[in-house]
Protein backbone atom coordinates (compact mmCIF):
# COMPACT_ATOMS: atom_id res chain seq x y z
CA MET A 1 4.08 -169.35 102.44
CA LYS A 2 2.05 -166.65 100.97
CA ASN A 3 2.40 -165.52 97.73
CA LYS A 4 4.32 -161.92 97.16
CA THR A 5 1.94 -159.49 95.32
CA ALA A 6 3.91 -157.49 92.54
CA VAL A 7 3.78 -154.40 94.62
CA GLU A 8 5.72 -156.34 97.45
CA ARG A 9 8.21 -157.60 95.11
CA LEU A 10 8.92 -154.14 93.50
CA LYS A 11 9.35 -152.88 97.27
CA GLU A 12 11.77 -155.63 97.84
CA ASP A 13 13.79 -154.71 95.03
CA GLU A 14 13.99 -150.86 95.56
CA GLU A 15 17.50 -151.19 96.55
CA ASN A 16 18.67 -152.97 93.41
CA ILE A 17 16.13 -150.52 91.27
CA ASN A 18 18.12 -147.28 93.06
CA ILE A 19 21.63 -148.82 92.02
CA LYS A 20 20.48 -149.02 88.06
CA ALA A 21 18.67 -145.69 88.87
CA LYS A 22 21.56 -143.28 90.40
CA ILE A 23 23.92 -144.21 87.71
CA ARG A 24 21.23 -142.18 85.64
CA GLY A 25 20.37 -139.80 87.58
CA PHE A 26 17.18 -140.66 89.51
CA MET A 27 16.14 -142.58 92.54
CA VAL A 28 12.64 -143.73 93.72
CA GLU A 29 11.10 -144.20 96.64
CA ILE A 30 8.30 -147.16 96.65
CA ALA A 31 5.72 -147.56 98.99
CA ASP A 32 3.57 -150.47 99.55
CA ASN A 33 0.35 -149.30 100.39
CA LEU A 34 -1.09 -153.01 100.96
CA ASN A 35 -3.75 -154.92 98.65
CA ASN A 36 -1.15 -154.79 95.71
CA THR A 37 -1.24 -151.04 95.28
CA GLY A 38 1.27 -148.40 96.17
CA THR A 39 3.22 -145.59 94.91
CA ILE A 40 6.78 -144.51 93.27
CA THR A 41 7.91 -141.39 94.08
CA ILE A 42 10.64 -140.18 91.78
CA TRP A 43 13.75 -137.93 92.70
CA LYS A 44 16.31 -136.26 89.90
CA PHE A 45 19.84 -135.47 91.06
CA SER A 46 21.47 -132.93 89.19
CA LYS A 47 25.07 -131.25 89.56
CA ASN A 48 25.62 -127.64 90.20
CA THR A 49 29.03 -126.30 90.64
CA LYS A 50 29.91 -123.71 93.40
CA ASN A 51 33.24 -121.82 93.79
CA LEU A 52 34.56 -122.01 96.78
CA SER A 53 37.63 -119.90 97.84
CA GLU A 54 38.65 -120.07 94.07
CA MET A 55 38.09 -123.85 94.03
CA GLN A 56 35.08 -125.66 91.63
CA THR A 57 33.37 -127.79 94.01
CA PHE A 58 30.34 -129.74 92.39
CA ILE A 59 27.32 -130.28 94.31
CA GLU A 60 24.62 -132.68 93.64
CA THR A 61 21.02 -131.81 94.35
CA LYS A 62 18.09 -134.19 94.71
CA THR A 63 14.82 -132.60 93.11
CA PHE A 64 11.13 -134.24 93.33
CA VAL A 65 9.67 -134.90 90.31
CA GLU A 66 6.59 -136.45 91.10
CA THR A 67 4.62 -139.35 92.57
CA LEU A 68 2.87 -142.11 90.53
CA ASP A 69 0.52 -144.37 91.61
CA ILE A 70 1.00 -148.22 91.25
CA GLU A 71 -1.31 -151.22 91.36
CA GLY A 72 -0.24 -154.72 90.88
CA ILE A 73 -1.76 -156.79 88.07
CA ALA A 74 -0.10 -160.09 87.76
CA SER A 75 2.73 -161.53 90.02
CA PHE A 76 5.21 -159.57 88.09
CA GLN A 77 2.99 -156.71 86.53
CA VAL A 78 2.06 -153.45 87.38
CA THR A 79 -0.40 -150.84 85.94
CA ILE A 80 0.95 -147.17 86.28
CA LYS A 81 -1.25 -144.12 86.92
CA LYS A 82 -1.37 -140.35 87.54
CA ASP A 83 -4.26 -138.64 88.31
CA ASP A 84 -6.58 -141.40 87.55
CA GLU A 85 -4.84 -141.43 84.15
CA ILE A 86 -3.39 -144.55 82.97
CA LEU A 87 0.36 -144.09 81.93
CA GLU A 88 1.55 -148.01 81.18
CA ASP A 89 -0.27 -150.65 81.79
CA GLY A 90 1.11 -154.51 82.34
CA LEU A 91 4.54 -153.15 82.81
CA SER A 92 7.19 -155.81 83.96
CA LEU A 93 9.04 -155.42 87.28
CA ASP A 94 12.51 -156.08 85.34
CA LYS A 95 11.29 -152.61 83.33
CA ILE A 96 10.63 -149.98 85.91
CA THR A 97 13.92 -148.54 85.86
CA GLN A 98 14.01 -148.14 82.17
CA TRP A 99 10.60 -146.84 82.12
CA ILE A 100 10.85 -144.19 84.58
CA TYR A 101 14.23 -142.93 82.78
CA ASN A 102 12.54 -142.80 79.30
CA ARG A 103 9.69 -140.37 81.40
CA LEU A 104 12.12 -138.44 83.07
CA ASN A 105 13.67 -138.06 79.18
CA ASN A 106 11.10 -138.17 76.95
CA GLU A 107 12.10 -135.78 74.41
CA ASN A 108 15.30 -137.83 74.01
CA ILE A 109 13.57 -141.09 73.51
CA GLU A 110 14.61 -142.85 70.00
CA PHE A 111 12.64 -145.48 68.00
CA MET A 112 13.99 -148.58 66.55
CA TYR A 113 11.85 -150.98 64.44
CA GLN A 114 12.37 -154.77 63.95
CA PHE A 115 11.41 -156.35 61.21
CA PHE A 116 9.80 -160.18 61.06
CA GLY A 117 9.05 -161.61 57.59
CA GLY A 118 9.17 -160.13 54.00
CA LYS A 119 11.84 -158.13 52.03
CA TYR A 120 13.13 -156.58 55.47
CA SER A 121 12.96 -159.62 57.83
CA GLY A 122 15.50 -159.48 60.30
CA LYS A 123 16.49 -156.00 59.73
CA THR A 124 16.67 -153.20 62.72
CA MET A 125 15.87 -150.02 61.32
CA THR A 126 15.92 -146.31 62.76
CA LYS A 127 12.89 -144.08 62.40
CA ALA A 128 14.79 -142.00 59.49
CA GLU A 129 15.02 -145.47 57.59
CA VAL A 130 11.73 -146.66 58.05
CA GLU A 131 10.39 -143.23 56.90
CA SER A 132 12.43 -143.63 53.72
CA ILE A 133 10.28 -146.77 52.83
CA SER A 134 6.89 -145.59 54.37
CA SER A 135 4.07 -144.69 52.30
CA SER A 136 1.88 -143.37 55.35
CA THR A 137 1.64 -143.32 59.22
CA THR A 138 -0.68 -144.53 61.61
CA GLU A 139 -3.34 -142.44 63.03
CA ASP A 140 -2.76 -140.36 66.36
CA LEU A 141 -5.37 -141.42 68.89
CA THR A 142 -4.33 -138.90 71.65
CA HIS A 143 -8.04 -137.94 71.67
CA ILE A 144 -9.56 -141.20 71.99
CA ARG A 145 -7.21 -141.53 74.93
CA GLN A 146 -8.09 -138.40 76.54
CA GLN A 147 -11.26 -139.13 76.68
CA GLY A 148 -10.57 -142.60 78.96
CA GLU A 149 -11.52 -144.91 76.17
CA THR A 150 -9.13 -147.90 74.83
CA CYS A 151 -6.77 -147.90 71.96
CA HIS A 152 -3.47 -148.18 70.92
CA ARG A 153 -0.29 -147.31 72.77
CA LYS A 154 0.48 -143.74 72.29
CA GLU A 155 3.61 -144.77 71.23
CA LEU A 156 2.22 -146.59 68.26
CA ASP A 157 0.77 -142.79 66.92
CA ASN A 158 1.74 -141.52 64.04
CA GLN A 159 4.25 -144.42 63.44
CA PRO A 160 5.42 -145.01 60.03
CA LEU A 161 3.04 -147.65 58.20
CA VAL A 162 5.49 -150.44 55.70
CA ASP A 163 4.00 -152.14 52.40
CA SER A 164 3.68 -155.76 52.83
CA TYR A 165 3.82 -155.45 56.70
CA LEU A 166 0.92 -154.93 59.65
CA SER A 167 0.55 -152.09 61.40
CA PRO A 168 3.71 -151.41 64.15
CA MET A 169 3.13 -153.40 67.18
CA PHE A 170 4.81 -152.87 70.21
CA SER A 171 7.96 -155.02 71.04
CA HIS A 172 9.83 -153.51 74.52
CA ILE A 173 12.31 -150.78 76.28
CA ASP A 174 15.15 -149.63 76.55
CA TYR A 175 16.75 -146.96 78.28
CA GLY A 176 16.07 -143.86 76.03
CA LEU A 177 14.62 -146.59 73.54
CA ILE A 178 11.35 -147.91 72.32
CA TYR A 179 11.02 -150.84 69.80
CA LEU A 180 8.51 -151.51 67.71
CA LYS A 181 8.03 -154.35 65.43
CA TYR A 182 6.67 -155.10 61.87
CA GLU A 183 5.55 -158.18 61.24
CA THR A 184 3.97 -159.73 58.05
CA GLN A 185 0.58 -161.39 58.09
CA GLU A 186 2.26 -165.20 57.66
CA VAL A 187 4.60 -163.99 60.70
CA TYR A 188 1.77 -163.01 62.93
CA ASN A 189 -0.21 -165.78 62.11
CA MET A 190 2.55 -168.48 63.08
CA MET A 191 3.08 -166.55 66.00
CA SER A 192 -0.60 -166.16 67.11
CA ILE A 193 -0.97 -170.29 67.30
């Protein structure tokens, strides 16, 4: 029996993805182009009101947003591209709905910061809380990404730096949230073994 590619798995899960997506106001169409490549077409729903003989009726319309290229890089991970620009590399298939939701709602995304080791170990803080204990920020490397070069994730640009902790690292995403983590050198060394 042949192992399924990441894109085949994603296509098979399209119905379940759309159940979660519809609740959040969008839907997707997934095309498998074979050889572990394909596309995701994103549609957004909007509700409009119409007055019909003095009765208000809600009409839901579907609007095309964009089509993105996908390429499987492991059994359960994909790279997402638009016009040959890599938007996301190594996205877990189980996070595809959250990733699309965050892309559609980019201006409303909040960062949450988790601390491992040191004075703040076990705490999760908001951006305002972390900025109040920060002395500076990480560099904005947009110009490097625009040249097609590899560097840290865009979510790590302009993030607070906290004394006694390494630069923030990407942790995971959820609907409307991006989690970054701070580790002490000691914790990082233990996790790297």
